[in-house]
PDB file of N, CA and C in Angstrom:
ATOM      1  N   GLN A   1      11.151   4.419 -17.896  1.00  0.00           N
ATOM      2  CA  GLN A   1      11.346   3.832 -16.587  1.00  0.00           C
ATOM      3  C   GLN A   1      12.170   4.770 -15.737  1.00  0.00           C
ATOM      4  N   GLN A   2      11.701   4.972 -14.540  1.00  0.00           N
ATOM      5  CA  GLN A   2      12.385   5.838 -13.587  1.00  0.00           C
ATOM      6  C   GLN A   2      12.458   5.119 -12.244  1.00  0.00           C
ATOM      7  N   PRO A   3      13.505   5.361 -11.484  1.00  0.00           N
ATOM      8  CA  PRO A   3      13.552   4.788 -10.134  1.00  0.00           C
ATOM      9  C   PRO A   3      12.378   5.320  -9.309  1.00  0.00           C
ATOM     10  N   SER A   4      11.901   4.492  -8.414  1.00  0.00           N
ATOM     11  CA  SER A   4      10.790   4.886  -7.554  1.00  0.00           C
ATOM     12  C   SER A   4      11.227   5.976  -6.584  1.00  0.00           C
ATOM     13  N   VAL A   5      10.306   6.836  -6.229  1.00  0.00           N
ATOM     14  CA  VAL A   5      10.581   7.837  -5.200  1.00  0.00           C
ATOM     15  C   VAL A   5      10.177   7.297  -3.830  1.00  0.00           C
ATOM     16  N   GLU A   6       9.587   6.116  -3.817  1.00  0.00           N
ATOM     17  CA  GLU A   6       9.143   5.488  -2.579  1.00  0.00           C
ATOM     18  C   GLU A   6      10.213   4.548  -2.045  1.00  0.00           C
ATOM     19  N   ASN A   7      10.302   4.458  -0.739  1.00  0.00           N
ATOM     20  CA  ASN A   7      11.151   3.487  -0.071  1.00  0.00           C
ATOM     21  C   ASN A   7      10.254   2.612   0.787  1.00  0.00           C
ATOM     22  N   ILE A   8      10.552   1.343   0.830  1.00  0.00           N
ATOM     23  CA  ILE A   8       9.781   0.417   1.646  1.00  0.00           C
ATOM     24  C   ILE A   8      10.707  -0.154   2.706  1.00  0.00           C
ATOM     25  N   ILE A   9      10.260  -0.089   3.945  1.00  0.00           N
ATOM     26  CA  ILE A   9      11.026  -0.628   5.063  1.00  0.00           C
ATOM     27  C   ILE A   9      10.179  -1.711   5.712  1.00  0.00           C
ATOM     28  N   ALA A  10      10.713  -2.921   5.805  1.00  0.00           N
ATOM     29  CA  ALA A  10      10.006  -4.012   6.470  1.00  0.00           C
ATOM     30  C   ALA A  10      10.166  -3.844   7.974  1.00  0.00           C
ATOM     31  N   LEU A  11       9.059  -3.843   8.684  1.00  0.00           N
ATOM     32  CA  LEU A  11       9.084  -3.702  10.134  1.00  0.00           C
ATOM     33  C   LEU A  11       9.148  -5.058  10.828  1.00  0.00           C
ATOM     34  N   GLU A  12       8.921  -6.103  10.055  1.00  0.00           N
ATOM     35  CA  GLU A  12       8.951  -7.459  10.575  1.00  0.00           C
ATOM     36  C   GLU A  12       9.674  -8.344   9.567  1.00  0.00           C
ATOM     37  N   SER A  13       9.978  -9.559   9.972  1.00  0.00           N
ATOM     38  CA  SER A  13      10.579 -10.510   9.056  1.00  0.00           C
ATOM     39  C   SER A  13       9.649 -10.661   7.854  1.00  0.00           C
ATOM     40  N   THR A  14      10.209 -10.524   6.659  1.00  0.00           N
ATOM     41  CA  THR A  14       9.395 -10.452   5.447  1.00  0.00           C
ATOM     42  C   THR A  14      10.039 -11.222   4.313  1.00  0.00           C
ATOM     43  N   MET A  15       9.207 -11.876   3.508  1.00  0.00           N
ATOM     44  CA  MET A  15       9.685 -12.498   2.285  1.00  0.00           C
ATOM     45  C   MET A  15       9.277 -11.583   1.133  1.00  0.00           C
ATOM     46  N   VAL A  16      10.244 -11.203   0.320  1.00  0.00           N
ATOM     47  CA  VAL A  16       9.996 -10.305  -0.799  1.00  0.00           C
ATOM     48  C   VAL A  16      10.352 -11.020  -2.084  1.00  0.00           C
ATOM     49  N   TRP A  17       9.476 -10.934  -3.060  1.00  0.00           N
ATOM     50  CA  TRP A  17       9.739 -11.479  -4.384  1.00  0.00           C
ATOM     51  C   TRP A  17       9.991 -10.317  -5.312  1.00  0.00           C
ATOM     52  N   GLU A  18      10.905 -10.513  -6.211  1.00  0.00           N
ATOM     53  CA  GLU A  18      11.262  -9.466  -7.163  1.00  0.00           C
ATOM     54  C   GLU A  18      11.146 -10.026  -8.571  1.00  0.00           C
ATOM     55  N   ILE A  19      10.657  -9.202  -9.474  1.00  0.00           N
ATOM     56  CA  ILE A  19      10.629  -9.574 -10.878  1.00  0.00           C
ATOM     57  C   ILE A  19      10.971  -8.329 -11.686  1.00  0.00           C
ATOM     58  N   LYS A  20      11.835  -8.493 -12.628  1.00  0.00           N
ATOM     59  CA  LYS A  20      12.229  -7.374 -13.488  1.00  0.00           C
ATOM     60  C   LYS A  20      11.077  -7.050 -14.440  1.00  0.00           C
ATOM     61  N   ARG A  21      10.986  -5.795 -14.840  1.00  0.00           N
ATOM     62  CA  ARG A  21       9.897  -5.343 -15.702  1.00  0.00           C
ATOM     63  C   ARG A  21       9.807  -6.181 -16.984  1.00  0.00           C
ATOM     64  N   LYS A  22      10.939  -6.413 -17.617  1.00  0.00           N
ATOM     65  CA  LYS A  22      10.936  -7.198 -18.858  1.00  0.00           C
ATOM     66  C   LYS A  22      10.417  -8.602 -18.611  1.00  0.00           C
ATOM     67  N   GLU A  23      10.840  -9.207 -17.493  1.00  0.00           N
ATOM     68  CA  GLU A  23      10.374 -10.554 -17.170  1.00  0.00           C
ATOM     69  C   GLU A  23       8.860 -10.570 -16.921  1.00  0.00           C
ATOM     70  N   LEU A  24       8.370  -9.535 -16.257  1.00  0.00           N
ATOM     71  CA  LEU A  24       6.935  -9.437 -16.008  1.00  0.00           C
ATOM     72  C   LEU A  24       6.167  -9.306 -17.322  1.00  0.00           C
ATOM     73  N   TYR A  25       6.646  -8.448 -18.207  1.00  0.00           N
ATOM     74  CA  TYR A  25       5.977  -8.272 -19.495  1.00  0.00           C
ATOM     75  C   TYR A  25       6.060  -9.538 -20.347  1.00  0.00           C
ATOM     76  N   ASP A  26       7.173 -10.244 -20.263  1.00  0.00           N
ATOM     77  CA  ASP A  26       7.282 -11.521 -20.969  1.00  0.00           C
ATOM     78  C   ASP A  26       6.264 -12.528 -20.420  1.00  0.00           C
ATOM     79  N   LEU A  27       6.114 -12.557 -19.106  1.00  0.00           N
ATOM     80  CA  LEU A  27       5.127 -13.435 -18.480  1.00  0.00           C
ATOM     81  C   LEU A  27       3.722 -13.073 -18.946  1.00  0.00           C
ATOM     82  N   TYR A  28       3.414 -11.772 -18.965  1.00  0.00           N
ATOM     83  CA  TYR A  28       2.099 -11.323 -19.435  1.00  0.00           C
ATOM     84  C   TYR A  28       1.853 -11.762 -20.882  1.00  0.00           C
ATOM     85  N   GLU A  29       2.898 -11.685 -21.690  1.00  0.00           N
ATOM     86  CA  GLU A  29       2.779 -12.061 -23.104  1.00  0.00           C
ATOM     87  C   GLU A  29       2.493 -13.562 -23.252  1.00  0.00           C
ATOM     88  N   LYS A  30       3.156 -14.352 -22.433  1.00  0.00           N
ATOM     89  CA  LYS A  30       3.026 -15.811 -22.550  1.00  0.00           C
ATOM     90  C   LYS A  30       1.805 -16.358 -21.819  1.00  0.00           C
ATOM     91  N   GLN A  31       1.404 -15.682 -20.761  1.00  0.00           N
ATOM     92  CA  GLN A  31       0.314 -16.175 -19.912  1.00  0.00           C
ATOM     93  C   GLN A  31      -0.758 -15.092 -19.755  1.00  0.00           C
ATOM     94  N   PRO A  32      -1.781 -15.084 -20.603  1.00  0.00           N
ATOM     95  CA  PRO A  32      -2.833 -14.072 -20.496  1.00  0.00           C
ATOM     96  C   PRO A  32      -3.506 -14.037 -19.116  1.00  0.00           C
ATOM     97  N   GLU A  33      -3.553 -15.185 -18.434  1.00  0.00           N
ATOM     98  CA  GLU A  33      -4.148 -15.207 -17.088  1.00  0.00           C
ATOM     99  C   GLU A  33      -3.328 -14.354 -16.118  1.00  0.00           C
ATOM    100  N   ALA A  34      -2.019 -14.387 -16.277  1.00  0.00           N
ATOM    101  CA  ALA A  34      -1.152 -13.585 -15.414  1.00  0.00           C
ATOM    102  C   ALA A  34      -1.366 -12.103 -15.686  1.00  0.00           C
ATOM    103  N   GLU A  35      -1.537 -11.751 -16.952  1.00  0.00           N
ATOM    104  CA  GLU A  35      -1.794 -10.345 -17.285  1.00  0.00           C
ATOM    105  C   GLU A  35      -3.110  -9.884 -16.675  1.00  0.00           C
ATOM    106  N   ARG A  36      -4.139 -10.704 -16.766  1.00  0.00           N
ATOM    107  CA  ARG A  36      -5.438 -10.351 -16.188  1.00  0.00           C
ATOM    108  C   ARG A  36      -5.323 -10.225 -14.673  1.00  0.00           C
ATOM    109  N   PHE A  37      -4.634 -11.165 -14.031  1.00  0.00           N
ATOM    110  CA  PHE A  37      -4.428 -11.121 -12.582  1.00  0.00           C
ATOM    111  C   PHE A  37      -3.709  -9.831 -12.184  1.00  0.00           C
ATOM    112  N   GLY A  38      -2.644  -9.483 -12.919  1.00  0.00           N
ATOM    113  CA  GLY A  38      -1.894  -8.264 -12.626  1.00  0.00           C
ATOM    114  C   GLY A  38      -2.756  -7.021 -12.789  1.00  0.00           C
ATOM    115  N   ARG A  39      -3.569  -6.986 -13.833  1.00  0.00           N
ATOM    116  CA  ARG A  39      -4.446  -5.839 -14.060  1.00  0.00           C
ATOM    117  C   ARG A  39      -5.482  -5.712 -12.952  1.00  0.00           C
ATOM    118  N   LEU A  40      -6.108  -6.834 -12.584  1.00  0.00           N
ATOM    119  CA  LEU A  40      -7.120  -6.807 -11.532  1.00  0.00           C
ATOM    120  C   LEU A  40      -6.517  -6.398 -10.189  1.00  0.00           C
ATOM    121  N   LEU A  41      -5.327  -6.897  -9.909  1.00  0.00           N
ATOM    122  CA  LEU A  41      -4.646  -6.538  -8.666  1.00  0.00           C
ATOM    123  C   LEU A  41      -4.335  -5.044  -8.640  1.00  0.00           C
ATOM    124  N   ALA A  42      -3.826  -4.516  -9.748  1.00  0.00           N
ATOM    125  CA  ALA A  42      -3.511  -3.085  -9.834  1.00  0.00           C
ATOM    126  C   ALA A  42      -4.779  -2.242  -9.677  1.00  0.00           C
ATOM    127  N   GLU A  43      -5.861  -2.650 -10.336  1.00  0.00           N
ATOM    128  CA  GLU A  43      -7.127  -1.909 -10.226  1.00  0.00           C
ATOM    129  C   GLU A  43      -7.621  -1.885  -8.784  1.00  0.00           C
ATOM    130  N   GLU A  44      -7.546  -3.024  -8.119  1.00  0.00           N
ATOM    131  CA  GLU A  44      -7.989  -3.107  -6.725  1.00  0.00           C
ATOM    132  C   GLU A  44      -7.174  -2.181  -5.835  1.00  0.00           C
ATOM    133  N   GLN A  45      -5.856  -2.177  -6.022  1.00  0.00           N
ATOM    134  CA  GLN A  45      -4.990  -1.329  -5.214  1.00  0.00           C
ATOM    135  C   GLN A  45      -5.246   0.155  -5.481  1.00  0.00           C
ATOM    136  N   ILE A  46      -5.429   0.512  -6.734  1.00  0.00           N
ATOM    137  CA  ILE A  46      -5.694   1.917  -7.075  1.00  0.00           C
ATOM    138  C   ILE A  46      -6.993   2.379  -6.432  1.00  0.00           C
ATOM    139  N   CYS A  47      -8.029   1.568  -6.508  1.00  0.00           N
ATOM    140  CA  CYS A  47      -9.313   1.921  -5.897  1.00  0.00           C
ATOM    141  C   CYS A  47      -9.178   2.065  -4.384  1.00  0.00           C
ATOM    142  N   HIS A  48      -8.437   1.155  -3.762  1.00  0.00           N
ATOM    143  CA  HIS A  48      -8.255   1.209  -2.307  1.00  0.00           C
ATOM    144  C   HIS A  48      -7.484   2.465  -1.899  1.00  0.00           C
ATOM    145  N   ILE A  49      -6.418   2.753  -2.605  1.00  0.00           N
ATOM    146  CA  ILE A  49      -5.606   3.933  -2.289  1.00  0.00           C
ATOM    147  C   ILE A  49      -6.411   5.215  -2.502  1.00  0.00           C
ATOM    148  N   GLU A  50      -7.150   5.284  -3.600  1.00  0.00           N
ATOM    149  CA  GLU A  50      -7.973   6.460  -3.865  1.00  0.00           C
ATOM    150  C   GLU A  50      -9.013   6.651  -2.759  1.00  0.00           C
ATOM    151  N   SER A  51      -9.612   5.572  -2.321  1.00  0.00           N
ATOM    152  CA  SER A  51     -10.598   5.637  -1.246  1.00  0.00           C
ATOM    153  C   SER A  51      -9.966   6.168   0.044  1.00  0.00           C
ATOM    154  N   LEU A  52      -8.770   5.675   0.371  1.00  0.00           N
ATOM    155  CA  LEU A  52      -8.092   6.165   1.569  1.00  0.00           C
ATOM    156  C   LEU A  52      -7.759   7.649   1.464  1.00  0.00           C
ATOM    157  N   PHE A  53      -7.251   8.082   0.305  1.00  0.00           N
ATOM    158  CA  PHE A  53      -6.927   9.495   0.120  1.00  0.00           C
ATOM    159  C   PHE A  53      -8.171  10.367   0.270  1.00  0.00           C
ATOM    160  N   LEU A  54      -9.262   9.948  -0.337  1.00  0.00           N
ATOM    161  CA  LEU A  54     -10.496  10.729  -0.249  1.00  0.00           C
ATOM    162  C   LEU A  54     -11.027  10.766   1.176  1.00  0.00           C
ATOM    163  N   THR A  55     -10.981   9.622   1.847  1.00  0.00           N
ATOM    164  CA  THR A  55     -11.469   9.548   3.219  1.00  0.00           C
ATOM    165  C   THR A  55     -10.587  10.364   4.153  1.00  0.00           C
ATOM    166  N   PHE A  56      -9.279  10.166   4.063  1.00  0.00           N
ATOM    167  CA  PHE A  56      -8.365  10.849   4.968  1.00  0.00           C
ATOM    168  C   PHE A  56      -8.288  12.342   4.676  1.00  0.00           C
ATOM    169  N   GLY A  57      -8.437  12.724   3.423  1.00  0.00           N
ATOM    170  CA  GLY A  57      -8.271  14.123   3.044  1.00  0.00           C
ATOM    171  C   GLY A  57      -9.270  15.070   3.664  1.00  0.00           C
ATOM    172  N   GLU A  58     -10.445  14.586   3.949  1.00  0.00           N
ATOM    173  CA  GLU A  58     -11.495  15.468   4.462  1.00  0.00           C
ATOM    174  C   GLU A  58     -11.764  15.275   5.948  1.00  0.00           C
ATOM    175  N   LYS A  59     -10.929  14.518   6.632  1.00  0.00           N
ATOM    176  CA  LYS A  59     -11.139  14.205   8.044  1.00  0.00           C
ATOM    177  C   LYS A  59     -10.091  14.861   8.924  1.00  0.00           C
ATOM    178  N   SER A  60     -10.448  15.037  10.175  1.00  0.00           N
ATOM    179  CA  SER A  60      -9.502  15.553  11.168  1.00  0.00           C
ATOM    180  C   SER A  60      -8.539  14.440  11.547  1.00  0.00           C
ATOM    181  N   SER A  61      -7.464  14.794  12.253  1.00  0.00           N
ATOM    182  CA  SER A  61      -6.486  13.799  12.704  1.00  0.00           C
ATOM    183  C   SER A  61      -7.154  12.730  13.567  1.00  0.00           C
ATOM    184  N   GLU A  62      -8.028  13.160  14.442  1.00  0.00           N
ATOM    185  CA  GLU A  62      -8.720  12.221  15.325  1.00  0.00           C
ATOM    186  C   GLU A  62      -9.600  11.259  14.516  1.00  0.00           C
ATOM    187  N   GLU A  63     -10.301  11.788  13.534  1.00  0.00           N
ATOM    188  CA  GLU A  63     -11.151  10.951  12.693  1.00  0.00           C
ATOM    189  C   GLU A  63     -10.313   9.969  11.864  1.00  0.00           C
ATOM    190  N   ARG A  64      -9.167  10.434  11.342  1.00  0.00           N
ATOM    191  CA  ARG A  64      -8.282   9.545  10.579  1.00  0.00           C
ATOM    192  C   ARG A  64      -7.787   8.403  11.461  1.00  0.00           C
ATOM    193  N   TYR A  65      -7.440   8.719  12.718  1.00  0.00           N
ATOM    194  CA  TYR A  65      -6.980   7.698  13.656  1.00  0.00           C
ATOM    195  C   TYR A  65      -8.095   6.688  13.929  1.00  0.00           C
ATOM    196  N   GLU A  66      -9.308   7.166  14.139  1.00  0.00           N
ATOM    197  CA  GLU A  66     -10.438   6.266  14.387  1.00  0.00           C
ATOM    198  C   GLU A  66     -10.689   5.347  13.192  1.00  0.00           C
ATOM    199  N   ILE A  67     -10.596   5.887  11.991  1.00  0.00           N
ATOM    200  CA  ILE A  67     -10.771   5.076  10.779  1.00  0.00           C
ATOM    201  C   ILE A  67      -9.675   4.024  10.705  1.00  0.00           C
ATOM    202  N   PHE A  68      -8.435   4.431  10.968  1.00  0.00           N
ATOM    203  CA  PHE A  68      -7.314   3.488  10.937  1.00  0.00           C
ATOM    204  C   PHE A  68      -7.551   2.360  11.942  1.00  0.00           C
ATOM    205  N   CYS A  69      -7.979   2.705  13.155  1.00  0.00           N
ATOM    206  CA  CYS A  69      -8.223   1.687  14.183  1.00  0.00           C
ATOM    207  C   CYS A  69      -9.312   0.710  13.747  1.00  0.00           C
ATOM    208  N   LYS A  70     -10.327   1.221  13.088  1.00  0.00           N
ATOM    209  CA  LYS A  70     -11.425   0.377  12.626  1.00  0.00           C
ATOM    210  C   LYS A  70     -10.998  -0.513  11.456  1.00  0.00           C
ATOM    211  N   GLU A  71     -10.278   0.076  10.491  1.00  0.00           N
ATOM    212  CA  GLU A  71      -9.895  -0.650   9.280  1.00  0.00           C
ATOM    213  C   GLU A  71      -8.709  -1.596   9.484  1.00  0.00           C
ATOM    214  N   PHE A  72      -7.777  -1.212  10.360  1.00  0.00           N
ATOM    215  CA  PHE A  72      -6.537  -1.981  10.536  1.00  0.00           C
ATOM    216  C   PHE A  72      -6.217  -2.203  12.017  1.00  0.00           C
ATOM    217  N   PRO A  73      -7.122  -2.812  12.777  1.00  0.00           N
ATOM    218  CA  PRO A  73      -6.903  -2.923  14.231  1.00  0.00           C
ATOM    219  C   PRO A  73      -5.650  -3.706  14.614  1.00  0.00           C
ATOM    220  N   ARG A  74      -5.286  -4.710  13.835  1.00  0.00           N
ATOM    221  CA  ARG A  74      -4.117  -5.527  14.183  1.00  0.00           C
ATOM    222  C   ARG A  74      -2.809  -4.769  14.013  1.00  0.00           C
ATOM    223  N   LEU A  75      -2.808  -3.749  13.167  1.00  0.00           N
ATOM    224  CA  LEU A  75      -1.566  -3.007  12.929  1.00  0.00           C
ATOM    225  C   LEU A  75      -1.197  -2.088  14.089  1.00  0.00           C
ATOM    226  N   LEU A  76      -2.145  -1.729  14.925  1.00  0.00           N
ATOM    227  CA  LEU A  76      -1.858  -0.811  16.032  1.00  0.00           C
ATOM    228  C   LEU A  76      -0.765  -1.335  16.951  1.00  0.00           C
ATOM    229  N   GLN A  77      -0.722  -2.633  17.158  1.00  0.00           N
ATOM    230  CA  GLN A  77       0.281  -3.228  18.036  1.00  0.00           C
ATOM    231  C   GLN A  77       1.587  -3.528  17.301  1.00  0.00           C
ATOM    232  N   ARG A  78       1.578  -3.416  15.981  1.00  0.00           N
ATOM    233  CA  ARG A  78       2.739  -3.833  15.205  1.00  0.00           C
ATOM    234  C   ARG A  78       3.509  -2.682  14.564  1.00  0.00           C
ATOM    235  N   VAL A  79       2.885  -1.534  14.418  1.00  0.00           N
ATOM    236  CA  VAL A  79       3.521  -0.398  13.743  1.00  0.00           C
ATOM    237  C   VAL A  79       3.957   0.626  14.794  1.00  0.00           C
ATOM    238  N   PRO A  80       5.223   1.044  14.785  1.00  0.00           N
ATOM    239  CA  PRO A  80       5.676   2.070  15.733  1.00  0.00           C
ATOM    240  C   PRO A  80       4.846   3.353  15.580  1.00  0.00           C
ATOM    241  N   LEU A  81       4.590   4.014  16.705  1.00  0.00           N
ATOM    242  CA  LEU A  81       3.737   5.199  16.705  1.00  0.00           C
ATOM    243  C   LEU A  81       4.231   6.298  15.774  1.00  0.00           C
ATOM    244  N   GLY A  82       5.544   6.438  15.644  1.00  0.00           N
ATOM    245  CA  GLY A  82       6.089   7.468  14.755  1.00  0.00           C
ATOM    246  C   GLY A  82       5.666   7.255  13.309  1.00  0.00           C
ATOM    247  N   TYR A  83       5.692   5.996  12.863  1.00  0.00           N
ATOM    248  CA  TYR A  83       5.255   5.681  11.501  1.00  0.00           C
ATOM    249  C   TYR A  83       3.767   5.920  11.343  1.00  0.00           C
ATOM    250  N   LEU A  84       3.010   5.510  12.353  1.00  0.00           N
ATOM    251  CA  LEU A  84       1.561   5.694  12.308  1.00  0.00           C
ATOM    252  C   LEU A  84       1.201   7.177  12.280  1.00  0.00           C
ATOM    253  N   ALA A  85       1.876   7.965  13.100  1.00  0.00           N
ATOM    254  CA  ALA A  85       1.623   9.406  13.121  1.00  0.00           C
ATOM    255  C   ALA A  85       1.936  10.029  11.764  1.00  0.00           C
ATOM    256  N   SER A  86       3.030   9.619  11.158  1.00  0.00           N
ATOM    257  CA  SER A  86       3.389  10.129   9.846  1.00  0.00           C
ATOM    258  C   SER A  86       2.329   9.763   8.799  1.00  0.00           C
ATOM    259  N   LEU A  87       1.894   8.519   8.811  1.00  0.00           N
ATOM    260  CA  LEU A  87       0.877   8.069   7.881  1.00  0.00           C
ATOM    261  C   LEU A  87      -0.415   8.868   8.019  1.00  0.00           C
ATOM    262  N   LEU A  88      -0.784   9.178   9.232  1.00  0.00           N
ATOM    263  CA  LEU A  88      -2.053   9.864   9.500  1.00  0.00           C
ATOM    264  C   LEU A  88      -1.915  11.388   9.454  1.00  0.00           C
ATOM    265  N   GLY A  89      -0.722  11.875   9.179  1.00  0.00           N
ATOM    266  CA  GLY A  89      -0.523  13.319   9.117  1.00  0.00           C
ATOM    267  C   GLY A  89      -0.572  13.995  10.459  1.00  0.00           C
ATOM    268  N   MET A  90      -0.047  13.308  11.482  1.00  0.00           N
ATOM    269  CA  MET A  90      -0.060  13.828  12.846  1.00  0.00           C
ATOM    270  C   MET A  90       1.380  13.977  13.327  1.00  0.00           C
ATOM    271  N   SER A  91       1.550  14.708  14.421  1.00  0.00           N
ATOM    272  CA  SER A  91       2.872  14.759  15.032  1.00  0.00           C
ATOM    273  C   SER A  91       2.949  13.686  16.101  1.00  0.00           C
ATOM    274  N   GLN A  92       4.159  13.233  16.366  1.00  0.00           N
ATOM    275  CA  GLN A  92       4.342  12.126  17.313  1.00  0.00           C
ATOM    276  C   GLN A  92       4.174  12.596  18.732  1.00  0.00           C
TER     277      GLN A  92
END
């Protein structure tokens, strides 16, 4: 186990749930449905992230922005431009 290198900043009022690794593994041990749910959720996220990396990696900044607008139109009004530019690999 290592501390994450990622930081998460909530841009809006947010409810966050926390579970310790041991507690999660204990839950998986006691509830096979929870383990399956966790696995399926992780698989879905990995596939989505991989798809974004592959799509964004071969596109220009303008194309990445167009994809973002199409895939996440509601976020344009909610995410500060500096964060969006960083995500898309652009300068502000």
